[in-house]
Amino acid sequence: LVAYQCRNKPSKLDEGLPHNLDDDVDDDEVAIQLDDLVIVHTVDGDNDEVVSPSELLSNKSWIQSVVKLFCLEEYTPSCFKSEAPLNDRQKKEMTELQTKADILVKMLRQRLKEHIKIRAISRR
């Protein structure tokens, strides 16, 4: 739902290109700000380590990176905004979100299995 609501927002990635893509620009005119570059981490298929959504939602720096990348400041729940320790209401909110995220992943994995099974049957 949040991704759908953000679909018309400008891309942060387009703003942060490290160089101008025009053919008529000299290399001397290109200025690269290393702090503004997006660092991409690749994951190979050999790594069997699984990180649950609840673990990711427990990592405040990961959340801040995602919020900044996708301009989600106005959609971010209060339990993720505060740098101070969480109060009881925020802890409850965080726990509920983590539980929902883990359930969502299980549902999506099951749907993927069913989709693959249907596609395999339909190709026969």
Foldseek 3Di string as FASTA:
>chain_A
DLCVVLVPPDALQVVLDQFDPDPPDDPVPGHGDVVSDDDDDDDDPVDPDDDAQLNCLVDLVSVVVVCVRSVCVVVDDPLNPDPDDDDPVSVVVSVVVSVVRRVVVVVVVVVVVVVVVVVVVVVD
